[in-house]
C-alpha atoms as a PDB file:
ATOM      1  CA  MET A   1      29.042 134.264-106.341  1.00  0.00           C
ATOM      2  CA  ASN A   2      27.501 132.853-103.215  1.00  0.00           C
ATOM      3  CA  PHE A   3      25.843 135.053-100.306  1.00  0.00           C
ATOM      4  CA  THR A   4      24.863 132.741 -98.300  1.00  0.00           C
ATOM      5  CA  PHE A   5      25.360 133.514 -94.949  1.00  0.00           C
ATOM      6  CA  ASP A   6      26.315 131.427 -92.273  1.00  0.00           C
ATOM      7  CA  ASN A   7      23.689 130.698 -89.059  1.00  0.00           C
ATOM      8  CA  GLU A   8      26.459 131.984 -86.441  1.00  0.00           C
ATOM      9  CA  LEU A   9      25.547 135.861 -88.316  1.00  0.00           C
ATOM     10  CA  GLU A  10      22.266 134.999 -88.892  1.00  0.00           C
ATOM     11  CA  SER A  11      21.296 134.542 -84.862  1.00  0.00           C
ATOM     12  CA  PHE A  12      23.918 137.739 -84.471  1.00  0.00           C
ATOM     13  CA  VAL A  13      21.022 139.071 -86.801  1.00  0.00           C
ATOM     14  CA  SER A  14      18.612 137.868 -84.076  1.00  0.00           C
ATOM     15  CA  THR A  15      20.001 139.209 -81.629  1.00  0.00           C
ATOM     16  CA  ILE A  16      20.165 142.692 -82.621  1.00  0.00           C
ATOM     17  CA  ASN A  17      16.311 142.623 -84.075  1.00  0.00           C
ATOM     18  CA  ASP A  18      15.808 141.463 -80.040  1.00  0.00           C
ATOM     19  CA  PHE A  19      18.014 144.881 -79.215  1.00  0.00           C
ATOM     20  CA  ILE A  20      15.143 146.084 -81.404  1.00  0.00           C
ATOM     21  CA  GLN A  21      12.208 145.109 -80.670  1.00  0.00           C
ATOM     22  CA  LYS A  22      13.221 145.273 -76.922  1.00  0.00           C
ATOM     23  CA  ASP A  23      14.712 148.806 -76.570  1.00  0.00           C
ATOM     24  CA  TYR A  24      14.630 151.004 -80.162  1.00  0.00           C
ATOM     25  CA  SER A  25       9.922 150.694 -80.727  1.00  0.00           C
ATOM     26  CA  PRO A  26       8.802 153.172 -82.361  1.00  0.00           C
ATOM     27  CA  GLN A  27       7.300 155.032 -79.399  1.00  0.00           C
ATOM     28  CA  HIS A  28      10.873 155.667 -78.335  1.00  0.00           C
ATOM     29  CA  ILE A  29      11.995 157.157 -81.359  1.00  0.00           C
ATOM     30  CA  ARG A  30       8.935 159.421 -81.209  1.00  0.00           C
ATOM     31  CA  ASN A  31      10.029 160.659 -78.056  1.00  0.00           C
ATOM     32  CA  ALA A  32      13.223 160.739 -78.941  1.00  0.00           C
ATOM     33  CA  TRP A  33      12.272 163.402 -81.895  1.00  0.00           C
ATOM     34  CA  SER A  34       9.889 165.085 -78.734  1.00  0.00           C
ATOM     35  CA  SER A  35      13.241 165.727 -77.485  1.00  0.00           C
ATOM     36  CA  ARG A  36      15.526 168.613 -79.068  1.00  0.00           C
ATOM     37  CA  ASP A  37      18.511 165.838 -79.168  1.00  0.00           C
ATOM     38  CA  PRO A  38      17.460 162.120 -80.118  1.00  0.00           C
ATOM     39  CA  PHE A  39      20.745 160.729 -80.046  1.00  0.00           C
ATOM     40  CA  SER A  40      20.989 158.213 -77.279  1.00  0.00           C
ATOM     41  CA  ASN A  41      23.952 157.333 -75.003  1.00  0.00           C
ATOM     42  CA  GLU A  42      22.304 154.425 -73.831  1.00  0.00           C
ATOM     43  CA  HIS A  43      21.454 152.761 -77.103  1.00  0.00           C
ATOM     44  CA  TRP A  44      25.134 153.798 -78.245  1.00  0.00           C
ATOM     45  CA  LYS A  45      26.324 152.068 -75.254  1.00  0.00           C
ATOM     46  CA  SER A  46      24.289 148.845 -75.901  1.00  0.00           C
ATOM     47  CA  MET A  47      25.226 148.552 -79.777  1.00  0.00           C
ATOM     48  CA  ILE A  48      29.011 148.400 -78.358  1.00  0.00           C
ATOM     49  CA  ASN A  49      28.280 146.403 -75.974  1.00  0.00           C
ATOM     50  CA  LEU A  50      26.730 143.860 -78.531  1.00  0.00           C
ATOM     51  CA  GLY A  51      30.028 144.712 -81.004  1.00  0.00           C
ATOM     52  CA  VAL A  52      28.355 146.400 -83.921  1.00  0.00           C
ATOM     53  CA  SER A  53      31.091 149.163 -84.541  1.00  0.00           C
ATOM     54  CA  GLN A  54      33.687 145.945 -83.788  1.00  0.00           C
ATOM     55  CA  MET A  55      32.440 143.958 -86.308  1.00  0.00           C
ATOM     56  CA  ILE A  56      34.264 144.989 -89.620  1.00  0.00           C
ATOM     57  CA  LEU A  57      36.949 147.491 -87.429  1.00  0.00           C
ATOM     58  CA  ASP A  58      40.565 145.691 -88.353  1.00  0.00           C
ATOM     59  CA  GLU A  59      42.291 143.945 -85.591  1.00  0.00           C
ATOM     60  CA  LYS A  60      44.727 145.747 -85.097  1.00  0.00           C
ATOM     61  CA  PHE A  61      42.273 147.998 -83.647  1.00  0.00           C
ATOM     62  CA  GLN A  62      40.991 145.475 -81.640  1.00  0.00           C
ATOM     63  CA  GLY A  63      38.275 144.642 -83.567  1.00  0.00           C
ATOM     64  CA  MET A  64      36.671 141.465 -84.765  1.00  0.00           C
ATOM     65  CA  GLY A  65      38.128 141.694 -88.145  1.00  0.00           C
ATOM     66  CA  LEU A  66      34.905 140.562 -90.173  1.00  0.00           C
ATOM     67  CA  SER A  67      34.287 141.192 -93.911  1.00  0.00           C
ATOM     68  CA  LEU A  68      31.894 144.089 -95.075  1.00  0.00           C
ATOM     69  CA  ASP A  69      29.887 141.201 -96.687  1.00  0.00           C
ATOM     70  CA  GLU A  70      29.651 139.110 -93.522  1.00  0.00           C
ATOM     71  CA  ALA A  71      28.070 142.102 -91.603  1.00  0.00           C
ATOM     72  CA  ILE A  72      25.951 143.697 -93.987  1.00  0.00           C
ATOM     73  CA  LEU A  73      22.838 141.979 -92.788  1.00  0.00           C
ATOM     74  CA  VAL A  74      23.383 143.468 -89.013  1.00  0.00           C
ATOM     75  CA  TYR A  75      23.678 146.488 -90.487  1.00  0.00           C
ATOM     76  CA  GLU A  76      20.470 146.568 -92.546  1.00  0.00           C
ATOM     77  CA  GLU A  77      18.837 144.983 -89.342  1.00  0.00           C
ATOM     78  CA  LEU A  78      19.652 148.081 -87.544  1.00  0.00           C
ATOM     79  CA  ALA A  79      18.594 150.207 -90.498  1.00  0.00           C
ATOM     80  CA  TYR A  80      15.286 148.025 -90.426  1.00  0.00           C
ATOM     81  CA  GLY A  81      14.749 149.545 -86.807  1.00  0.00           C
ATOM     82  CA  GLY A  82      15.014 152.949 -87.497  1.00  0.00           C
ATOM     83  CA  VAL A  83      18.015 153.570 -84.978  1.00  0.00           C
ATOM     84  CA  ILE A  84      18.906 156.742 -84.776  1.00  0.00           C
ATOM     85  CA  GLU A  85      22.354 156.901 -83.221  1.00  0.00           C
ATOM     86  CA  PRO A  86      25.174 157.206 -86.230  1.00  0.00           C
ATOM     87  CA  ILE A  87      26.831 153.496 -86.090  1.00  0.00           C
ATOM     88  CA  ILE A  88      26.406 152.538 -88.906  1.00  0.00           C
ATOM     89  CA  GLU A  89      27.900 155.121 -91.086  1.00  0.00           C
ATOM     90  CA  GLN A  90      30.688 154.959 -88.940  1.00  0.00           C
ATOM     91  CA  SER A  91      31.333 151.486 -88.724  1.00  0.00           C
ATOM     92  CA  ILE A  92      31.391 151.569 -92.983  1.00  0.00           C
ATOM     93  CA  LEU A  93      32.390 154.878 -93.564  1.00  0.00           C
ATOM     94  CA  ILE A  94      35.272 154.534 -91.374  1.00  0.00           C
ATOM     95  CA  ASN A  95      35.954 151.744 -89.107  1.00  0.00           C
ATOM     96  CA  ASN A  96      36.005 149.616 -92.242  1.00  0.00           C
ATOM     97  CA  LEU A  97      38.950 151.970 -93.913  1.00  0.00           C
ATOM     98  CA  ALA A  98      40.495 152.803 -91.116  1.00  0.00           C
ATOM     99  CA  HIS A  99      43.289 150.260 -91.825  1.00  0.00           C
ATOM    100  CA  GLU A 100      43.864 151.885 -95.042  1.00  0.00           C
ATOM    101  CA  PHE A 101      44.331 155.530 -93.690  1.00  0.00           C
ATOM    102  CA  PRO A 102      47.585 157.315 -93.453  1.00  0.00           C
ATOM    103  CA  GLN A 103      49.411 155.904 -90.456  1.00  0.00           C
ATOM    104  CA  GLY A 104      49.709 159.591 -88.902  1.00  0.00           C
ATOM    105  CA  LEU A 105      45.391 159.634 -89.042  1.00  0.00           C
ATOM    106  CA  GLN A 106      45.726 155.759 -87.880  1.00  0.00           C
ATOM    107  CA  ASP A 107      47.770 156.874 -84.473  1.00  0.00           C
ATOM    108  CA  LEU A 108      45.473 159.650 -83.929  1.00  0.00           C
ATOM    109  CA  ILE A 109      41.790 157.989 -84.227  1.00  0.00           C
ATOM    110  CA  GLY A 110      42.514 154.389 -83.646  1.00  0.00           C
ATOM    111  CA  GLU A 111      41.501 154.360 -79.706  1.00  0.00           C
ATOM    112  CA  ARG A 112      38.291 155.824 -80.659  1.00  0.00           C
ATOM    113  CA  LEU A 113      36.512 153.648 -83.355  1.00  0.00           C
ATOM    114  CA  ILE A 114      35.486 150.910 -81.021  1.00  0.00           C
ATOM    115  CA  ASP A 115      33.270 152.691 -78.594  1.00  0.00           C
ATOM    116  CA  GLN A 116      33.132 156.698 -79.809  1.00  0.00           C
ATOM    117  CA  TYR A 117      31.307 158.803 -82.364  1.00  0.00           C
ATOM    118  CA  VAL A 118      33.703 160.021 -84.934  1.00  0.00           C
ATOM    119  CA  ALA A 119      31.863 161.953 -87.651  1.00  0.00           C
ATOM    120  CA  LEU A 120      32.915 162.471 -91.154  1.00  0.00           C
ATOM    121  CA  THR A 121      32.008 165.179 -94.037  1.00  0.00           C
ATOM    122  CA  HIS A 122      32.762 164.818 -97.888  1.00  0.00           C
ATOM    123  CA  PRO A 123      31.695 167.191-100.586  1.00  0.00           C
ATOM    124  CA  SER A 124      29.290 164.484-101.667  1.00  0.00           C
ATOM    125  CA  SER A 125      27.464 164.464 -97.916  1.00  0.00           C
ATOM    126  CA  PRO A 126      28.275 167.983 -96.516  1.00  0.00           C
ATOM    127  CA  PHE A 127      26.501 168.277 -93.582  1.00  0.00           C
ATOM    128  CA  VAL A 128      27.199 165.664 -90.488  1.00  0.00           C
ATOM    129  CA  ASN A 129      24.944 164.291 -88.222  1.00  0.00           C
ATOM    130  CA  HIS A 130      24.696 164.336 -84.615  1.00  0.00           C
ATOM    131  CA  LEU A 131      27.729 166.305 -84.438  1.00  0.00           C
ATOM    132  CA  SER A 132      27.699 167.749 -80.917  1.00  0.00           C
ATOM    133  CA  HIS A 133      28.148 164.022 -79.778  1.00  0.00           C
ATOM    134  CA  ALA A 134      31.525 163.508 -82.119  1.00  0.00           C
ATOM    135  CA  SER A 135      34.561 163.052 -80.163  1.00  0.00           C
ATOM    136  CA  GLY A 136      35.939 164.586 -83.326  1.00  0.00           C
ATOM    137  CA  LEU A 137      35.355 165.079 -86.801  1.00  0.00           C
ATOM    138  CA  LEU A 138      37.248 163.752 -90.226  1.00  0.00           C
ATOM    139  CA  SER A 139      36.948 166.243 -93.274  1.00  0.00           C
ATOM    140  CA  ILE A 140      37.633 165.302 -96.531  1.00  0.00           C
ATOM    141  CA  GLN A 141      38.645 168.009 -98.794  1.00  0.00           C
ATOM    142  CA  ASN A 142      40.557 168.624-101.584  1.00  0.00           C
ATOM    143  CA  ASN A 143      42.778 165.194-101.498  1.00  0.00           C
ATOM    144  CA  ASP A 144      43.470 165.666 -97.678  1.00  0.00           C
ATOM    145  CA  ILE A 145      41.896 164.146 -95.063  1.00  0.00           C
ATOM    146  CA  SER A 146      41.425 165.991 -91.311  1.00  0.00           C
ATOM    147  CA  PHE A 147      40.360 165.060 -88.459  1.00  0.00           C
ATOM    148  CA  VAL A 148      39.817 167.897 -85.920  1.00  0.00           C
ATOM    149  CA  GLU A 149      38.804 167.797 -82.335  1.00  0.00           C
ATOM    150  CA  LEU A 150      34.720 168.756 -81.752  1.00  0.00           C
ATOM    151  CA  GLU A 151      36.490 172.310 -79.869  1.00  0.00           C
ATOM    152  CA  GLY A 152      37.825 173.451 -83.393  1.00  0.00           C
ATOM    153  CA  ILE A 153      34.826 173.063 -85.432  1.00  0.00           C
ATOM    154  CA  GLU A 154      32.404 176.588 -85.678  1.00  0.00           C
ATOM    155  CA  SER A 155      28.938 174.738 -87.260  1.00  0.00           C
ATOM    156  CA  GLU A 156      25.528 176.125 -87.538  1.00  0.00           C
ATOM    157  CA  LEU A 157      22.249 173.815 -87.030  1.00  0.00           C
ATOM    158  CA  LEU A 158      20.079 172.505 -89.971  1.00  0.00           C
ATOM    159  CA  GLU A 159      16.374 171.802 -90.500  1.00  0.00           C
ATOM    160  CA  SER A 160      15.863 167.784 -91.491  1.00  0.00           C
ATOM    161  CA  ASN A 161      12.612 166.745 -92.999  1.00  0.00           C
ATOM    162  CA  ASP A 162      14.010 163.448 -90.601  1.00  0.00           C
ATOM    163  CA  PRO A 163      14.113 164.738 -86.999  1.00  0.00           C
ATOM    164  CA  SER A 164      15.917 161.304 -86.173  1.00  0.00           C
ATOM    165  CA  ARG A 165      18.781 163.494 -88.250  1.00  0.00           C
ATOM    166  CA  VAL A 166      20.697 166.302 -86.469  1.00  0.00           C
ATOM    167  CA  VAL A 167      22.167 167.902 -89.226  1.00  0.00           C
ATOM    168  CA  SER A 168      25.362 170.405 -88.690  1.00  0.00           C
ATOM    169  CA  SER A 169      26.933 172.686 -91.877  1.00  0.00           C
ATOM    170  CA  ILE A 170      30.837 173.096 -90.944  1.00  0.00           C
ATOM    171  CA  LYS A 171      31.649 177.165 -91.489  1.00  0.00           C
ATOM    172  CA  SER A 172      35.435 177.325 -90.463  1.00  0.00           C
ATOM    173  CA  ILE A 173      37.609 173.962 -88.930  1.00  0.00           C
ATOM    174  CA  LYS A 174      40.928 175.074 -86.827  1.00  0.00           C
ATOM    175  CA  ASN A 175      43.838 173.106 -85.641  1.00  0.00           C
ATOM    176  CA  SER A 176      43.544 170.327 -87.666  1.00  0.00           C
ATOM    177  CA  HIS A 177      45.636 167.286 -88.551  1.00  0.00           C
ATOM    178  CA  SER A 178      46.001 166.960 -91.938  1.00  0.00           C
ATOM    179  CA  PHE A 179      46.950 164.191 -94.013  1.00  0.00           C
ATOM    180  CA  LYS A 180      47.455 163.342 -97.782  1.00  0.00           C
ATOM    181  CA  LEU A 181      44.483 161.163 -99.259  1.00  0.00           C
ATOM    182  CA  ASP A 182      44.969 158.735-101.617  1.00  0.00           C
ATOM    183  CA  PRO A 183      42.567 159.135-104.722  1.00  0.00           C
ATOM    184  CA  SER A 184      41.583 155.792-104.818  1.00  0.00           C
ATOM    185  CA  LEU A 185      40.807 155.477-100.778  1.00  0.00           C
ATOM    186  CA  GLU A 186      38.443 158.708-101.292  1.00  0.00           C
ATOM    187  CA  ARG A 187      36.535 156.862-104.081  1.00  0.00           C
ATOM    188  CA  LYS A 188      36.468 153.850-101.690  1.00  0.00           C
ATOM    189  CA  ILE A 189      34.752 156.110 -98.897  1.00  0.00           C
ATOM    190  CA  VAL A 190      31.905 157.752-101.812  1.00  0.00           C
ATOM    191  CA  SER A 191      31.028 153.973-102.292  1.00  0.00           C
ATOM    192  CA  SER A 192      30.852 153.369 -99.249  1.00  0.00           C
ATOM    193  CA  GLY A 193      28.487 156.478 -98.380  1.00  0.00           C
ATOM    194  CA  LYS A 194      26.403 155.066-101.266  1.00  0.00           C
ATOM    195  CA  LEU A 195      26.446 151.876 -99.721  1.00  0.00           C
ATOM    196  CA  VAL A 196      25.640 152.922 -96.311  1.00  0.00           C
ATOM    197  CA  SER A 197      22.596 155.251 -98.301  1.00  0.00           C
ATOM    198  CA  ALA A 198      21.847 152.047-100.357  1.00  0.00           C
ATOM    199  CA  LEU A 199      21.312 149.481 -97.677  1.00  0.00           C
ATOM    200  CA  THR A 200      19.610 152.308 -94.820  1.00  0.00           C
ATOM    201  CA  ILE A 201      16.399 152.821 -97.177  1.00  0.00           C
ATOM    202  CA  ILE A 202      16.323 148.769 -97.992  1.00  0.00           C
ATOM    203  CA  GLY A 203      16.282 148.256 -94.514  1.00  0.00           C
ATOM    204  CA  LEU A 204      13.412 150.569 -93.975  1.00  0.00           C
ATOM    205  CA  SER A 205      11.754 150.124 -96.544  1.00  0.00           C
ATOM    206  CA  ARG A 206      10.983 146.418 -95.237  1.00  0.00           C
ATOM    207  CA  ARG A 207      10.186 148.109 -92.601  1.00  0.00           C
ATOM    208  CA  CYS A 208       7.483 149.855 -94.289  1.00  0.00           C
ATOM    209  CA  LEU A 209       6.237 146.973 -95.622  1.00  0.00           C
ATOM    210  CA  ASP A 210       5.935 144.826 -92.589  1.00  0.00           C
ATOM    211  CA  ILE A 211       3.543 147.914 -91.155  1.00  0.00           C
ATOM    212  CA  SER A 212       1.592 148.044 -94.353  1.00  0.00           C
ATOM    213  CA  SER A 213       1.404 143.920 -94.084  1.00  0.00           C
ATOM    214  CA  GLU A 214       0.186 144.109 -91.123  1.00  0.00           C
ATOM    215  CA  TYR A 215      -2.340 147.008 -91.403  1.00  0.00           C
ATOM    216  CA  VAL A 216      -4.277 145.678 -94.374  1.00  0.00           C
ATOM    217  CA  LYS A 217      -4.971 142.189 -92.801  1.00  0.00           C
ATOM    218  CA  THR A 218      -6.836 144.535 -89.826  1.00  0.00           C
ATOM    219  CA  ARG A 219      -8.285 146.924 -91.962  1.00  0.00           C
ATOM    220  CA  GLU A 220     -11.651 146.240 -93.320  1.00  0.00           C
ATOM    221  CA  GLN A 221     -13.895 147.391 -96.156  1.00  0.00           C
ATOM    222  CA  PHE A 222     -17.140 145.824 -97.463  1.00  0.00           C
ATOM    223  CA  GLY A 223     -17.178 143.863 -94.468  1.00  0.00           C
ATOM    224  CA  LYS A 224     -13.358 142.055 -95.527  1.00  0.00           C
ATOM    225  CA  PRO A 225      -9.521 142.632 -94.499  1.00  0.00           C
ATOM    226  CA  ILE A 226      -8.126 144.766 -97.190  1.00  0.00           C
ATOM    227  CA  GLY A 227      -5.235 142.733 -97.579  1.00  0.00           C
ATOM    228  CA  SER A 228      -7.458 140.297 -99.194  1.00  0.00           C
ATOM    229  CA  PHE A 229      -8.021 142.262-102.163  1.00  0.00           C
ATOM    230  CA  GLN A 230      -5.783 141.545-105.229  1.00  0.00           C
ATOM    231  CA  ALA A 231      -5.238 145.265-106.054  1.00  0.00           C
ATOM    232  CA  VAL A 232      -3.977 145.902-102.516  1.00  0.00           C
ATOM    233  CA  LYS A 233      -1.848 142.647-102.896  1.00  0.00           C
ATOM    234  CA  HIS A 234      -0.120 144.007-105.897  1.00  0.00           C
ATOM    235  CA  MET A 235       0.741 147.297-104.244  1.00  0.00           C
ATOM    236  CA  LEU A 236       2.841 145.140-101.588  1.00  0.00           C
ATOM    237  CA  SER A 237       3.820 142.545-103.716  1.00  0.00           C
ATOM    238  CA  ASP A 238       5.424 144.940-105.737  1.00  0.00           C
ATOM    239  CA  ILE A 239       7.365 146.346-102.972  1.00  0.00           C
ATOM    240  CA  ALA A 240       8.682 143.070-101.655  1.00  0.00           C
ATOM    241  CA  VAL A 241      10.186 142.438-105.548  1.00  0.00           C
ATOM    242  CA  LYS A 242      12.158 145.544-105.562  1.00  0.00           C
ATOM    243  CA  ILE A 243      13.700 145.455-102.182  1.00  0.00           C
ATOM    244  CA  GLU A 244      14.862 141.860-103.545  1.00  0.00           C
ATOM    245  CA  PHE A 245      16.611 142.780-107.134  1.00  0.00           C
ATOM    246  CA  ALA A 246      17.925 145.316-104.830  1.00  0.00           C
ATOM    247  CA  LYS A 247      19.428 143.477-101.790  1.00  0.00           C
ATOM    248  CA  ALA A 248      21.683 141.522-104.075  1.00  0.00           C
ATOM    249  CA  ALA A 249      22.960 144.979-106.025  1.00  0.00           C
ATOM    250  CA  ILE A 250      24.053 145.925-102.328  1.00  0.00           C
ATOM    251  CA  TYR A 251      25.786 142.592-101.155  1.00  0.00           C
ATOM    252  CA  ARG A 252      27.439 142.678-104.240  1.00  0.00           C
ATOM    253  CA  ALA A 253      28.749 145.859-103.665  1.00  0.00           C
ATOM    254  CA  ALA A 254      29.722 146.000-100.553  1.00  0.00           C
ATOM    255  CA  ASN A 255      32.091 142.612-102.018  1.00  0.00           C
ATOM    256  CA  SER A 256      33.353 144.734-104.118  1.00  0.00           C
ATOM    257  CA  ILE A 257      34.592 147.350-101.794  1.00  0.00           C
ATOM    258  CA  ILE A 258      36.104 144.715 -99.537  1.00  0.00           C
ATOM    259  CA  LEU A 259      38.366 143.150-102.411  1.00  0.00           C
ATOM    260  CA  ASP A 260      38.605 146.662-103.685  1.00  0.00           C
ATOM    261  CA  HIS A 261      37.333 145.633-107.252  1.00  0.00           C
ATOM    262  CA  PRO A 262      37.623 148.093-110.414  1.00  0.00           C
ATOM    263  CA  LEU A 263      33.946 148.357-110.727  1.00  0.00           C
ATOM    264  CA  HIS A 264      33.258 149.456-106.981  1.00  0.00           C
ATOM    265  CA  GLU A 265      32.005 152.580-107.778  1.00  0.00           C
ATOM    266  CA  LEU A 266      29.622 151.206-110.719  1.00  0.00           C
ATOM    267  CA  HIS A 267      28.388 148.616-108.094  1.00  0.00           C
ATOM    268  CA  SER A 268      27.550 151.061-105.482  1.00  0.00           C
ATOM    269  CA  ASN A 269      26.288 153.090-108.137  1.00  0.00           C
ATOM    270  CA  VAL A 270      23.565 150.056-108.793  1.00  0.00           C
ATOM    271  CA  ALA A 271      23.023 149.335-105.378  1.00  0.00           C
ATOM    272  CA  LYS A 272      21.734 152.474-104.579  1.00  0.00           C
ATOM    273  CA  TYR A 273      19.917 153.148-107.272  1.00  0.00           C
ATOM    274  CA  LEU A 274      17.905 150.308-107.143  1.00  0.00           C
ATOM    275  CA  ALA A 275      17.829 151.016-103.374  1.00  0.00           C
ATOM    276  CA  ASN A 276      16.163 154.653-104.599  1.00  0.00           C
ATOM    277  CA  GLN A 277      13.735 152.925-106.623  1.00  0.00           C
ATOM    278  CA  ALA A 278      12.804 150.607-103.760  1.00  0.00           C
ATOM    279  CA  GLY A 279      12.028 153.464-101.238  1.00  0.00           C
ATOM    280  CA  GLU A 280      10.312 155.343-103.563  1.00  0.00           C
ATOM    281  CA  ILE A 281       7.478 152.447-104.326  1.00  0.00           C
ATOM    282  CA  ALA A 282       7.800 151.183-100.735  1.00  0.00           C
ATOM    283  CA  THR A 283       6.855 154.783 -99.143  1.00  0.00           C
ATOM    284  CA  LYS A 284       4.205 155.686-102.805  1.00  0.00           C
ATOM    285  CA  ASN A 285       2.453 152.076-102.021  1.00  0.00           C
ATOM    286  CA  SER A 286       2.219 151.783 -98.064  1.00  0.00           C
ATOM    287  CA  ILE A 287       1.016 155.301 -98.352  1.00  0.00           C
ATOM    288  CA  GLN A 288      -1.550 154.059-100.652  1.00  0.00           C
ATOM    289  CA  ALA A 289      -2.374 150.601 -98.633  1.00  0.00           C
ATOM    290  CA  HIS A 290      -3.101 153.300 -95.514  1.00  0.00           C
ATOM    291  CA  GLY A 291      -5.493 155.271 -97.374  1.00  0.00           C
ATOM    292  CA  ALA A 292      -3.257 158.292 -96.954  1.00  0.00           C
ATOM    293  CA  MET A 293      -2.984 157.843 -93.440  1.00  0.00           C
ATOM    294  CA  GLY A 294       0.116 156.699 -93.278  1.00  0.00           C
ATOM    295  CA  TYR A 295       1.694 159.894 -93.316  1.00  0.00           C
ATOM    296  CA  THR A 296      -0.045 160.961 -89.828  1.00  0.00           C
ATOM    297  CA  TRP A 297       1.864 161.053 -86.561  1.00  0.00           C
ATOM    298  CA  GLU A 298      -0.551 158.458 -85.139  1.00  0.00           C
ATOM    299  CA  VAL A 299       0.548 155.629 -87.321  1.00  0.00           C
ATOM    300  CA  ASP A 300       3.994 154.549 -87.127  1.00  0.00           C
ATOM    301  CA  LEU A 301       4.717 154.080 -91.055  1.00  0.00           C
ATOM    302  CA  HIS A 302       5.305 157.802 -91.436  1.00  0.00           C
ATOM    303  CA  ILE A 303       8.458 157.603 -88.776  1.00  0.00           C
ATOM    304  CA  PHE A 304      10.441 155.289 -91.708  1.00  0.00           C
ATOM    305  CA  MET A 305       9.009 157.111 -94.493  1.00  0.00           C
ATOM    306  CA  ARG A 306      10.592 160.018 -93.927  1.00  0.00           C
ATOM    307  CA  ARG A 307      13.853 158.535 -93.126  1.00  0.00           C
ATOM    308  CA  ILE A 308      13.905 156.894 -96.732  1.00  0.00           C
ATOM    309  CA  TRP A 309      13.243 160.294 -98.103  1.00  0.00           C
ATOM    310  CA  ALA A 310      16.397 161.554 -96.003  1.00  0.00           C
ATOM    311  CA  PHE A 311      18.335 159.253 -96.980  1.00  0.00           C
ATOM    312  CA  ASN A 312      17.606 158.898-100.537  1.00  0.00           C
ATOM    313  CA  SER A 313      19.754 161.940-101.605  1.00  0.00           C
ATOM    314  CA  LEU A 314      22.380 161.184 -99.312  1.00  0.00           C
ATOM    315  CA  TRP A 315      25.798 160.367-101.364  1.00  0.00           C
ATOM    316  CA  ALA A 316      23.894 161.257-104.824  1.00  0.00           C
ATOM    317  CA  THR A 317      20.348 162.108-105.633  1.00  0.00           C
ATOM    318  CA  GLN A 318      18.915 159.735-108.285  1.00  0.00           C
ATOM    319  CA  SER A 319      19.972 161.303-111.153  1.00  0.00           C
ATOM    320  CA  GLU A 320      23.349 161.955-109.982  1.00  0.00           C
ATOM    321  CA  ILE A 321      23.543 158.319-110.147  1.00  0.00           C
ATOM    322  CA  GLU A 322      22.127 157.347-113.654  1.00  0.00           C
ATOM    323  CA  PHE A 323      24.087 160.101-115.135  1.00  0.00           C
ATOM    324  CA  GLU A 324      27.371 158.067-113.839  1.00  0.00           C
ATOM    325  CA  ILE A 325      25.782 154.892-114.921  1.00  0.00           C
ATOM    326  CA  GLU A 326      25.309 156.188-118.094  1.00  0.00           C
ATOM    327  CA  GLY A 327      28.561 157.717-118.821  1.00  0.00           C
ATOM    328  CA  PHE A 328      30.110 153.987-117.528  1.00  0.00           C
ATOM    329  CA  LEU A 329      28.092 152.666-119.642  1.00  0.00           C
ATOM    330  CA  HIS A 330      28.915 154.678-122.840  1.00  0.00           C
ATOM    331  CA  GLU A 331      32.344 154.501-122.348  1.00  0.00           C
ATOM    332  CA  ASN A 332      32.718 150.669-121.513  1.00  0.00           C
ATOM    333  CA  THR A 333      29.782 149.562-124.559  1.00  0.00           C
ATOM    334  CA  GLU A 334      32.249 146.527-125.151  1.00  0.00           C
ATOM    335  CA  LYS A 335      32.064 145.114-121.787  1.00  0.00           C
ATOM    336  CA  LEU A 336      28.221 144.575-121.824  1.00  0.00           C
ATOM    337  CA  GLY A 337      26.172 141.616-122.226  1.00  0.00           C
ATOM    338  CA  ALA A 338      26.090 138.064-121.046  1.00  0.00           C
ATOM    339  CA  THR A 339      29.627 137.375-121.781  1.00  0.00           C
ATOM    340  CA  PHE A 340      31.221 139.962-119.634  1.00  0.00           C
ATOM    341  CA  THR A 341      28.446 139.977-116.635  1.00  0.00           C
ATOM    342  CA  PHE A 342      28.839 136.292-115.713  1.00  0.00           C
ATOM    343  CA  THR A 343      32.773 136.348-115.591  1.00  0.00           C
ATOM    344  CA  GLU A 344      34.609 136.473-112.555  1.00  0.00           C
ATOM    345  CA  ASP A 345      35.792 139.788-113.359  1.00  0.00           C
END
């Protein structure tokens, strides 16, 4: 399977990186955390103007119609920047799948998908992020998908370890528009949720690695930079290996979702499992490289670590992922081994 990305896409990733460097500095995130409402309408509009939400939106909704595996690098770069606004979630969970929604639902939300935030709640991810900025909510329950305007929602604000996330628990919904949801589409939504969590963790883990790599070049001990010590090199190289190992699984999961591959649930589970591992070692080793100072407010590292911890359990905990993978392995022992692994199926 060829996951080589073309020059045009890599150029777009560079544009996203310029946006992050210019408008999304760690200091901006600190300032946003200090407010009660870190969601920036200005930054949301900037990302819309860049084409982020339209990239994988079907052309019937005036989107660009790119495939998810083509756009995945852009969303990973936004995750690397610690972007607060939930544009990655909407793009992959809703915009990418909107053309498969029931027709009546498409008619209700189609015009909102390019420039408005539409939130989503599911039993695997019940808490809604930045609900007050949503133009409406998609609620999935008992094989139904409902759309409800903001005024029809009663909710309760919850505390989050990650101040970038302003999460709400939905208490009641009224005046909703409900449609039957095909079970196969619901499974794709869950796989997409795990993919969002995995690629966000990987983007953030890359940021932790870069911050730590720069820090060990300047922090001196015994008259030399601590980055010259073999033990420190090993700590940071362990992070890099885990990140690279997880990336292939993430790209595979994205490709499986767009192709409706019969094993997309397994592929998304593997992607999240490996990303969680990478996030765990990225936070642990980065703190150690900083001499435990990384969690303090003054050090940028803590911003991205807290985001990793928040996404670690979204859509499934590590133990739940392990249970699902184990169940697949027990049911498909005849499909294991190199002969099966390296076929196109």
